[in-house]
Amino acid sequence: MIQLRLVPLAALAVFLSHPAGAAEVDARASYILTLGGINIAAMKVDLEDNGSRYTLDLSANVAGLGTLVASGTAKATSTGRSSGSSLLAEEFDLETRANGETFTVDVSFAGHDVSAFKVTPPIVDNYDRVPLERRHLTGVGDFLSAFVLKGNGLDRSLCQRQAKIFTGVERFNIAMSYAGDDEATSPRTGYQGPVVLCTVDYDPVSGHFTSSDITNYLADSDRIVIWYAPLGETGYFIPYRVLLGTDMGDLSMVLTEMRF
């Protein structure tokens, strides 16, 4: 069964961006997550930014899907500094609840380095888990703020990004590339208009299990795609849609509502 702590990774859902020096922003984006066309989760992402500090909050209610996805809840928060060309995380917290069990992650950052982290309950280091090394915890960011893309407009530069990410459990790299311009037209979604299409390449480094089907699939996949849309006139850009092809069907997240 897919554990809830993998939901943020599978969704690749929390990508918000704005240019440096932007006005104070209080925004919310709502999404529906489906697997093989069946609704499995509802997700909300809140962003607050006063021009120098930001808070990103993600909350998800997971309905589950038989033995494939566990039902429960997931919450994640990233806080830090928003000045400059990118968000700089200082704290990252994650909590998931499923099958009567709670899993939490707390990570602290000093600059781009991990200063402390705690996972409860601890991850068992089986023979097939790739060891985390101290050098893997430098020059990194958390999962949420690592996908915040500051840019000057809805163009190909939004997609030209690389990030080194530490989730508290795993260390991996993400490389994004521009794939083209598109138009969102469905009246059933929370936005209609121009979007930019980006592809995502996932490269596991450490902390993962070599026997993990999800990790291996993501590493081999060439179908991780994000469509970005503008968040009104705020200077922010959020994902209109996220698509991940899996052997169980497409894992898709679609914007259903946005407020700013």
C-alpha atoms as a PDB file:
ATOM      1  CA  MET A   1       0.000   0.000   0.000  1.00  0.00           C
ATOM      2  CA  ILE A   2       1.286   3.480  -0.840  1.00  0.00           C
ATOM      3  CA  GLN A   3       2.046   5.232   2.443  1.00  0.00           C
ATOM      4  CA  LEU A   4       0.750   8.778   2.970  1.00  0.00           C
ATOM      5  CA  ARG A   5       4.265  10.092   3.474  1.00  0.00           C
ATOM      6  CA  LEU A   6       4.791   9.469  -0.245  1.00  0.00           C
ATOM      7  CA  VAL A   7       1.790  11.582  -1.267  1.00  0.00           C
ATOM      8  CA  PRO A   8       3.748  14.861  -1.529  1.00  0.00           C
ATOM      9  CA  LEU A   9       6.383  13.186  -3.692  1.00  0.00           C
ATOM     10  CA  ALA A  10       3.840  11.476  -5.944  1.00  0.00           C
ATOM     11  CA  ALA A  11       1.769  14.573  -6.342  1.00  0.00           C
ATOM     12  CA  LEU A  12       4.681  16.930  -7.013  1.00  0.00           C
ATOM     13  CA  ALA A  13       1.949  19.335  -6.212  1.00  0.00           C
ATOM     14  CA  VAL A  14       3.202  22.280  -4.342  1.00  0.00           C
ATOM     15  CA  PHE A  15       4.724  24.750  -6.790  1.00  0.00           C
ATOM     16  CA  LEU A  16       4.033  28.486  -6.212  1.00  0.00           C
ATOM     17  CA  SER A  17       6.160  31.363  -7.487  1.00  0.00           C
ATOM     18  CA  HIS A  18       6.530  35.171  -7.537  1.00  0.00           C
ATOM     19  CA  PRO A  19       9.087  37.801  -8.509  1.00  0.00           C
ATOM     20  CA  ALA A  20      11.348  39.478  -6.003  1.00  0.00           C
ATOM     21  CA  GLY A  21       9.891  42.579  -4.374  1.00  0.00           C
ATOM     22  CA  ALA A  22       6.283  41.444  -4.908  1.00  0.00           C
ATOM     23  CA  ALA A  23       3.483  42.981  -2.858  1.00  0.00           C
ATOM     24  CA  GLU A  24       2.036  41.176   0.154  1.00  0.00           C
ATOM     25  CA  VAL A  25       0.151  38.069  -0.961  1.00  0.00           C
ATOM     26  CA  ASP A  26      -2.462  35.840   0.678  1.00  0.00           C
ATOM     27  CA  ALA A  27      -3.550  33.116  -1.750  1.00  0.00           C
ATOM     28  CA  ARG A  28      -5.082  29.636  -1.870  1.00  0.00           C
ATOM     29  CA  ALA A  29      -5.130  26.976  -4.581  1.00  0.00           C
ATOM     30  CA  SER A  30      -7.355  23.883  -4.447  1.00  0.00           C
ATOM     31  CA  TYR A  31      -6.727  20.653  -6.348  1.00  0.00           C
ATOM     32  CA  ILE A  32      -8.241  17.248  -6.999  1.00  0.00           C
ATOM     33  CA  LEU A  33      -5.870  14.288  -7.252  1.00  0.00           C
ATOM     34  CA  THR A  34      -6.928  11.295  -9.349  1.00  0.00           C
ATOM     35  CA  LEU A  35      -5.388   7.909 -10.115  1.00  0.00           C
ATOM     36  CA  GLY A  36      -6.594   6.171 -13.260  1.00  0.00           C
ATOM     37  CA  GLY A  37      -9.459   8.669 -13.457  1.00  0.00           C
ATOM     38  CA  ILE A  38     -10.687   7.932  -9.900  1.00  0.00           C
ATOM     39  CA  ASN A  39     -10.633  10.703  -7.274  1.00  0.00           C
ATOM     40  CA  ILE A  40      -8.285   9.760  -4.427  1.00  0.00           C
ATOM     41  CA  ALA A  41      -7.526  13.073  -2.676  1.00  0.00           C
ATOM     42  CA  ALA A  42      -8.445  16.740  -2.287  1.00  0.00           C
ATOM     43  CA  MET A  43      -5.602  19.169  -1.614  1.00  0.00           C
ATOM     44  CA  LYS A  44      -5.316  22.828  -0.600  1.00  0.00           C
ATOM     45  CA  VAL A  45      -2.175  24.990  -0.703  1.00  0.00           C
ATOM     46  CA  ASP A  46      -2.049  28.326   1.147  1.00  0.00           C
ATOM     47  CA  LEU A  47       0.644  30.931   0.553  1.00  0.00           C
ATOM     48  CA  GLU A  48       1.308  33.998   2.698  1.00  0.00           C
ATOM     49  CA  ASP A  49       4.167  36.346   1.901  1.00  0.00           C
ATOM     50  CA  ASN A  50       4.792  39.800   3.383  1.00  0.00           C
ATOM     51  CA  GLY A  51       7.626  40.557   0.951  1.00  0.00           C
ATOM     52  CA  SER A  52      10.399  39.282   3.224  1.00  0.00           C
ATOM     53  CA  ARG A  53       9.019  36.113   4.835  1.00  0.00           C
ATOM     54  CA  TYR A  54       6.749  33.372   3.533  1.00  0.00           C
ATOM     55  CA  THR A  55       4.637  30.488   4.796  1.00  0.00           C
ATOM     56  CA  LEU A  56       3.450  27.612   2.621  1.00  0.00           C
ATOM     57  CA  ASP A  57       0.803  25.278   4.050  1.00  0.00           C
ATOM     58  CA  LEU A  58      -0.383  22.105   2.336  1.00  0.00           C
ATOM     59  CA  SER A  59      -3.311  20.011   3.574  1.00  0.00           C
ATOM     60  CA  ALA A  60      -4.720  16.909   1.920  1.00  0.00           C
ATOM     61  CA  ASN A  61      -7.598  14.541   2.646  1.00  0.00           C
ATOM     62  CA  VAL A  62      -6.932  11.192   1.023  1.00  0.00           C
ATOM     63  CA  ALA A  63      -9.964   9.012   0.285  1.00  0.00           C
ATOM     64  CA  GLY A  64      -7.782   6.055  -0.643  1.00  0.00           C
ATOM     65  CA  LEU A  65      -8.145   3.453  -3.369  1.00  0.00           C
ATOM     66  CA  GLY A  66      -8.467  -0.130  -2.194  1.00  0.00           C
ATOM     67  CA  THR A  67      -5.075  -1.658  -1.390  1.00  0.00           C
ATOM     68  CA  LEU A  68      -3.203   0.868  -3.554  1.00  0.00           C
ATOM     69  CA  VAL A  69      -3.556   4.113  -1.570  1.00  0.00           C
ATOM     70  CA  ALA A  70      -4.138   4.422   2.179  1.00  0.00           C
ATOM     71  CA  SER A  71      -6.906   6.788   3.318  1.00  0.00           C
ATOM     72  CA  GLY A  72      -6.042   9.486   5.840  1.00  0.00           C
ATOM     73  CA  THR A  73      -4.669  13.035   6.009  1.00  0.00           C
ATOM     74  CA  ALA A  74      -1.422  14.833   5.219  1.00  0.00           C
ATOM     75  CA  LYS A  75      -0.173  18.263   6.298  1.00  0.00           C
ATOM     76  CA  ALA A  76       3.061  20.035   5.402  1.00  0.00           C
ATOM     77  CA  THR A  77       4.433  23.490   6.207  1.00  0.00           C
ATOM     78  CA  SER A  78       7.470  25.396   4.975  1.00  0.00           C
ATOM     79  CA  THR A  79       8.545  28.761   6.416  1.00  0.00           C
ATOM     80  CA  GLY A  80      11.485  31.014   5.713  1.00  0.00           C
ATOM     81  CA  ARG A  81      12.733  34.060   3.837  1.00  0.00           C
ATOM     82  CA  SER A  82      11.241  35.198   0.535  1.00  0.00           C
ATOM     83  CA  SER A  83      13.605  37.999  -0.452  1.00  0.00           C
ATOM     84  CA  GLY A  84      16.014  37.517  -3.322  1.00  0.00           C
ATOM     85  CA  SER A  85      15.614  35.306  -6.351  1.00  0.00           C
ATOM     86  CA  SER A  86      14.192  32.270  -4.527  1.00  0.00           C
ATOM     87  CA  LEU A  87      12.579  31.167  -1.276  1.00  0.00           C
ATOM     88  CA  LEU A  88      15.015  30.123   1.435  1.00  0.00           C
ATOM     89  CA  ALA A  89      13.480  27.609   3.846  1.00  0.00           C
ATOM     90  CA  GLU A  90      14.242  27.692   7.566  1.00  0.00           C
ATOM     91  CA  GLU A  91      11.752  25.061   8.778  1.00  0.00           C
ATOM     92  CA  PHE A  92       9.886  22.183   7.147  1.00  0.00           C
ATOM     93  CA  ASP A  93       7.295  20.025   8.919  1.00  0.00           C
ATOM     94  CA  LEU A  94       5.260  17.078   7.640  1.00  0.00           C
ATOM     95  CA  GLU A  95       2.575  15.013   9.376  1.00  0.00           C
ATOM     96  CA  THR A  96       0.588  12.136   7.904  1.00  0.00           C
ATOM     97  CA  ARG A  97      -2.105  10.000   9.527  1.00  0.00           C
ATOM     98  CA  ALA A  98      -3.255   6.675   8.089  1.00  0.00           C
ATOM     99  CA  ASN A  99      -4.455   3.339   9.438  1.00  0.00           C
ATOM    100  CA  GLY A 100      -4.313   4.666  12.993  1.00  0.00           C
ATOM    101  CA  GLU A 101      -0.641   5.590  12.666  1.00  0.00           C
ATOM    102  CA  THR A 102       1.030   9.023  12.668  1.00  0.00           C
ATOM    103  CA  PHE A 103       4.259   9.843  10.855  1.00  0.00           C
ATOM    104  CA  THR A 104       6.061  13.176  11.369  1.00  0.00           C
ATOM    105  CA  VAL A 105       9.118  14.917   9.938  1.00  0.00           C
ATOM    106  CA  ASP A 106      10.772  18.070  11.291  1.00  0.00           C
ATOM    107  CA  VAL A 107      13.688  19.633   9.417  1.00  0.00           C
ATOM    108  CA  SER A 108      15.611  22.833  10.259  1.00  0.00           C
ATOM    109  CA  PHE A 109      17.838  24.648   7.763  1.00  0.00           C
ATOM    110  CA  ALA A 110      20.683  27.130   8.212  1.00  0.00           C
ATOM    111  CA  GLY A 111      21.126  28.772   4.855  1.00  0.00           C
ATOM    112  CA  HIS A 112      21.052  25.948   2.333  1.00  0.00           C
ATOM    113  CA  ASP A 113      22.304  23.332   4.796  1.00  0.00           C
ATOM    114  CA  VAL A 114      20.351  21.007   7.089  1.00  0.00           C
ATOM    115  CA  SER A 115      21.072  21.951  10.717  1.00  0.00           C
ATOM    116  CA  ALA A 116      18.817  19.322  12.346  1.00  0.00           C
ATOM    117  CA  PHE A 117      16.110  16.815  11.468  1.00  0.00           C
ATOM    118  CA  LYS A 118      13.872  14.319  13.268  1.00  0.00           C
ATOM    119  CA  VAL A 119      11.642  11.555  11.907  1.00  0.00           C
ATOM    120  CA  THR A 120       9.012   9.839  14.101  1.00  0.00           C
ATOM    121  CA  PRO A 121       8.887   6.886  14.080  1.00  0.00           C
ATOM    122  CA  PRO A 122      12.466   6.512  12.794  1.00  0.00           C
ATOM    123  CA  ILE A 123      13.016   4.909   9.386  1.00  0.00           C
ATOM    124  CA  VAL A 124      14.486   1.421   9.725  1.00  0.00           C
ATOM    125  CA  ASP A 125      17.813   1.157   7.887  1.00  0.00           C
ATOM    126  CA  ASN A 126      17.309  -2.105   6.049  1.00  0.00           C
ATOM    127  CA  TYR A 127      20.087  -3.554   3.905  1.00  0.00           C
ATOM    128  CA  ASP A 128      18.602  -1.985   0.769  1.00  0.00           C
ATOM    129  CA  ARG A 129      18.344   1.587   2.065  1.00  0.00           C
ATOM    130  CA  VAL A 130      20.938   3.907   0.514  1.00  0.00           C
ATOM    131  CA  PRO A 131      22.732   5.593   3.467  1.00  0.00           C
ATOM    132  CA  LEU A 132      22.298   9.315   4.054  1.00  0.00           C
ATOM    133  CA  GLU A 133      25.694  11.011   4.235  1.00  0.00           C
ATOM    134  CA  ARG A 134      26.496  14.394   5.745  1.00  0.00           C
ATOM    135  CA  ARG A 135      27.615  15.730   2.369  1.00  0.00           C
ATOM    136  CA  HIS A 136      24.116  15.017   1.055  1.00  0.00           C
ATOM    137  CA  LEU A 137      22.652  17.537   3.542  1.00  0.00           C
ATOM    138  CA  THR A 138      24.493  20.605   2.245  1.00  0.00           C
ATOM    139  CA  GLY A 139      23.279  22.916  -0.515  1.00  0.00           C
ATOM    140  CA  VAL A 140      19.707  21.631  -0.225  1.00  0.00           C
ATOM    141  CA  GLY A 141      16.150  22.872   0.331  1.00  0.00           C
ATOM    142  CA  ASP A 142      12.918  21.390   1.591  1.00  0.00           C
ATOM    143  CA  PHE A 143      10.289  19.756  -0.595  1.00  0.00           C
ATOM    144  CA  LEU A 144       7.812  22.652  -0.710  1.00  0.00           C
ATOM    145  CA  SER A 145      10.051  25.684  -1.155  1.00  0.00           C
ATOM    146  CA  ALA A 146      12.347  23.822  -3.549  1.00  0.00           C
ATOM    147  CA  PHE A 147       9.592  23.981  -6.154  1.00  0.00           C
ATOM    148  CA  VAL A 148       8.855  27.698  -5.704  1.00  0.00           C
ATOM    149  CA  LEU A 149       9.869  29.298  -8.973  1.00  0.00           C
ATOM    150  CA  LYS A 150      10.473  33.041  -9.087  1.00  0.00           C
ATOM    151  CA  GLY A 151      10.359  34.443 -12.591  1.00  0.00           C
ATOM    152  CA  ASN A 152       9.512  37.468 -14.680  1.00  0.00           C
ATOM    153  CA  GLY A 153       6.548  36.025 -16.548  1.00  0.00           C
ATOM    154  CA  LEU A 154       4.782  33.009 -18.014  1.00  0.00           C
ATOM    155  CA  ASP A 155       7.596  31.857 -20.295  1.00  0.00           C
ATOM    156  CA  ARG A 156      10.167  29.125 -20.757  1.00  0.00           C
ATOM    157  CA  SER A 157      12.427  30.525 -18.023  1.00  0.00           C
ATOM    158  CA  LEU A 158       9.984  29.179 -15.402  1.00  0.00           C
ATOM    159  CA  CYS A 159      10.954  25.644 -16.419  1.00  0.00           C
ATOM    160  CA  GLN A 160      14.711  26.046 -16.461  1.00  0.00           C
ATOM    161  CA  ARG A 161      15.288  24.966 -12.858  1.00  0.00           C
ATOM    162  CA  GLN A 162      17.277  22.489 -10.804  1.00  0.00           C
ATOM    163  CA  ALA A 163      16.851  21.713  -7.119  1.00  0.00           C
ATOM    164  CA  LYS A 164      18.530  19.545  -4.484  1.00  0.00           C
ATOM    165  CA  ILE A 165      15.876  18.380  -2.025  1.00  0.00           C
ATOM    166  CA  PHE A 166      15.915  16.796   1.429  1.00  0.00           C
ATOM    167  CA  THR A 167      12.545  15.607   2.751  1.00  0.00           C
ATOM    168  CA  GLY A 168      13.781  14.456   6.156  1.00  0.00           C
ATOM    169  CA  VAL A 169      13.793  10.902   4.805  1.00  0.00           C
ATOM    170  CA  GLU A 170      15.212  11.059   1.303  1.00  0.00           C
ATOM    171  CA  ARG A 171      17.673  13.210  -0.618  1.00  0.00           C
ATOM    172  CA  PHE A 172      17.034  13.622  -4.350  1.00  0.00           C
ATOM    173  CA  ASN A 173      17.572  16.015  -7.244  1.00  0.00           C
ATOM    174  CA  ILE A 174      14.959  17.554  -9.521  1.00  0.00           C
ATOM    175  CA  ALA A 175      15.685  19.002 -12.966  1.00  0.00           C
ATOM    176  CA  MET A 176      12.962  20.864 -14.869  1.00  0.00           C
ATOM    177  CA  SER A 177      12.932  21.621 -18.599  1.00  0.00           C
ATOM    178  CA  TYR A 178      10.736  23.686 -20.903  1.00  0.00           C
ATOM    179  CA  ALA A 179       8.442  21.584 -23.119  1.00  0.00           C
ATOM    180  CA  GLY A 180       6.179  24.180 -24.762  1.00  0.00           C
ATOM    181  CA  ASP A 181       3.324  26.649 -24.451  1.00  0.00           C
ATOM    182  CA  ASP A 182      -0.285  25.511 -24.116  1.00  0.00           C
ATOM    183  CA  GLU A 183      -3.807  26.775 -23.425  1.00  0.00           C
ATOM    184  CA  ALA A 184      -6.062  25.691 -20.554  1.00  0.00           C
ATOM    185  CA  THR A 185      -9.638  25.623 -21.870  1.00  0.00           C
ATOM    186  CA  SER A 186     -11.727  23.343 -19.638  1.00  0.00           C
ATOM    187  CA  PRO A 187     -14.585  25.249 -17.895  1.00  0.00           C
ATOM    188  CA  ARG A 188     -14.577  22.608 -15.151  1.00  0.00           C
ATOM    189  CA  THR A 189     -11.192  23.766 -13.808  1.00  0.00           C
ATOM    190  CA  GLY A 190     -10.145  26.805 -11.796  1.00  0.00           C
ATOM    191  CA  TYR A 191      -8.396  28.580 -14.678  1.00  0.00           C
ATOM    192  CA  GLN A 192      -8.735  29.113 -18.412  1.00  0.00           C
ATOM    193  CA  GLY A 193      -5.934  30.759 -20.355  1.00  0.00           C
ATOM    194  CA  PRO A 194      -2.262  30.400 -21.350  1.00  0.00           C
ATOM    195  CA  VAL A 195      -0.002  27.938 -19.512  1.00  0.00           C
ATOM    196  CA  VAL A 196       3.619  26.812 -19.793  1.00  0.00           C
ATOM    197  CA  LEU A 197       4.446  23.120 -19.952  1.00  0.00           C
ATOM    198  CA  CYS A 198       7.474  21.819 -17.997  1.00  0.00           C
ATOM    199  CA  THR A 199       8.908  18.310 -17.743  1.00  0.00           C
ATOM    200  CA  VAL A 200      10.495  17.047 -14.522  1.00  0.00           C
ATOM    201  CA  ASP A 201      13.383  14.601 -14.089  1.00  0.00           C
ATOM    202  CA  TYR A 202      13.736  12.859 -10.695  1.00  0.00           C
ATOM    203  CA  ASP A 203      17.144  11.580  -9.561  1.00  0.00           C
ATOM    204  CA  PRO A 204      17.315   9.738  -6.192  1.00  0.00           C
ATOM    205  CA  VAL A 205      20.539  10.264  -4.207  1.00  0.00           C
ATOM    206  CA  SER A 206      20.172   8.684  -0.755  1.00  0.00           C
ATOM    207  CA  GLY A 207      17.722   7.712   1.972  1.00  0.00           C
ATOM    208  CA  HIS A 208      15.588   5.702  -0.442  1.00  0.00           C
ATOM    209  CA  PHE A 209      15.229   1.929  -0.685  1.00  0.00           C
ATOM    210  CA  THR A 210      16.667   0.333  -3.800  1.00  0.00           C
ATOM    211  CA  SER A 211      13.730  -2.105  -3.774  1.00  0.00           C
ATOM    212  CA  SER A 212      11.126   0.710  -3.754  1.00  0.00           C
ATOM    213  CA  ASP A 213       8.851   0.395  -6.779  1.00  0.00           C
ATOM    214  CA  ILE A 214       7.818   4.072  -6.539  1.00  0.00           C
ATOM    215  CA  THR A 215      11.398   5.365  -6.363  1.00  0.00           C
ATOM    216  CA  ASN A 216      12.517   3.200  -9.265  1.00  0.00           C
ATOM    217  CA  TYR A 217       9.495   4.138 -11.355  1.00  0.00           C
ATOM    218  CA  LEU A 218       9.976   7.872 -10.773  1.00  0.00           C
ATOM    219  CA  ALA A 219      13.679   7.612 -11.602  1.00  0.00           C
ATOM    220  CA  ASP A 220      12.917   5.863 -14.901  1.00  0.00           C
ATOM    221  CA  SER A 221       9.851   7.910 -15.819  1.00  0.00           C
ATOM    222  CA  ASP A 222       9.831  10.398 -18.685  1.00  0.00           C
ATOM    223  CA  ARG A 223       6.190  11.357 -17.997  1.00  0.00           C
ATOM    224  CA  ILE A 224       6.353  13.789 -15.077  1.00  0.00           C
ATOM    225  CA  VAL A 225       4.805  16.980 -16.429  1.00  0.00           C
ATOM    226  CA  ILE A 226       3.603  20.275 -14.916  1.00  0.00           C
ATOM    227  CA  TRP A 227       1.468  22.975 -16.568  1.00  0.00           C
ATOM    228  CA  TYR A 228       1.959  26.403 -14.893  1.00  0.00           C
ATOM    229  CA  ALA A 229      -0.715  29.129 -14.811  1.00  0.00           C
ATOM    230  CA  PRO A 230      -0.555  32.725 -13.522  1.00  0.00           C
ATOM    231  CA  LEU A 231      -2.209  33.488 -10.185  1.00  0.00           C
ATOM    232  CA  GLY A 232      -4.120  36.492 -11.452  1.00  0.00           C
ATOM    233  CA  GLU A 233      -2.062  39.683 -11.536  1.00  0.00           C
ATOM    234  CA  THR A 234      -0.165  38.886  -8.333  1.00  0.00           C
ATOM    235  CA  GLY A 235       3.037  37.904 -10.147  1.00  0.00           C
ATOM    236  CA  TYR A 236       2.696  34.330  -8.897  1.00  0.00           C
ATOM    237  CA  PHE A 237       2.479  31.162 -11.009  1.00  0.00           C
ATOM    238  CA  ILE A 238       0.876  27.934  -9.817  1.00  0.00           C
ATOM    239  CA  PRO A 239       0.422  24.508 -11.391  1.00  0.00           C
ATOM    240  CA  TYR A 240      -2.728  24.198 -13.432  1.00  0.00           C
ATOM    241  CA  ARG A 241      -2.126  20.478 -13.820  1.00  0.00           C
ATOM    242  CA  VAL A 242       0.446  17.876 -12.749  1.00  0.00           C
ATOM    243  CA  LEU A 243       0.652  14.538 -14.577  1.00  0.00           C
ATOM    244  CA  LEU A 244       2.624  11.440 -13.653  1.00  0.00           C
ATOM    245  CA  GLY A 245       2.246   8.291 -15.731  1.00  0.00           C
ATOM    246  CA  THR A 246       2.214   5.095 -13.630  1.00  0.00           C
ATOM    247  CA  ASP A 247       1.554   1.422 -14.290  1.00  0.00           C
ATOM    248  CA  MET A 248      -1.710   1.870 -12.346  1.00  0.00           C
ATOM    249  CA  GLY A 249      -2.878   4.657 -14.660  1.00  0.00           C
ATOM    250  CA  ASP A 250      -2.177   8.376 -14.797  1.00  0.00           C
ATOM    251  CA  LEU A 251      -1.708  10.142 -11.469  1.00  0.00           C
ATOM    252  CA  SER A 252      -3.121  13.590 -12.168  1.00  0.00           C
ATOM    253  CA  MET A 253      -3.675  16.723 -10.109  1.00  0.00           C
ATOM    254  CA  VAL A 254      -5.864  19.497 -11.521  1.00  0.00           C
ATOM    255  CA  LEU A 255      -6.524  23.019 -10.237  1.00  0.00           C
ATOM    256  CA  THR A 256     -10.182  23.377  -9.243  1.00  0.00           C
ATOM    257  CA  GLU A 257     -10.164  26.805  -7.578  1.00  0.00           C
ATOM    258  CA  MET A 258      -7.782  29.656  -6.812  1.00  0.00           C
ATOM    259  CA  ARG A 259      -8.175  32.686  -4.554  1.00  0.00           C
ATOM    260  CA  PHE A 260      -5.834  35.668  -4.300  1.00  0.00           C
END
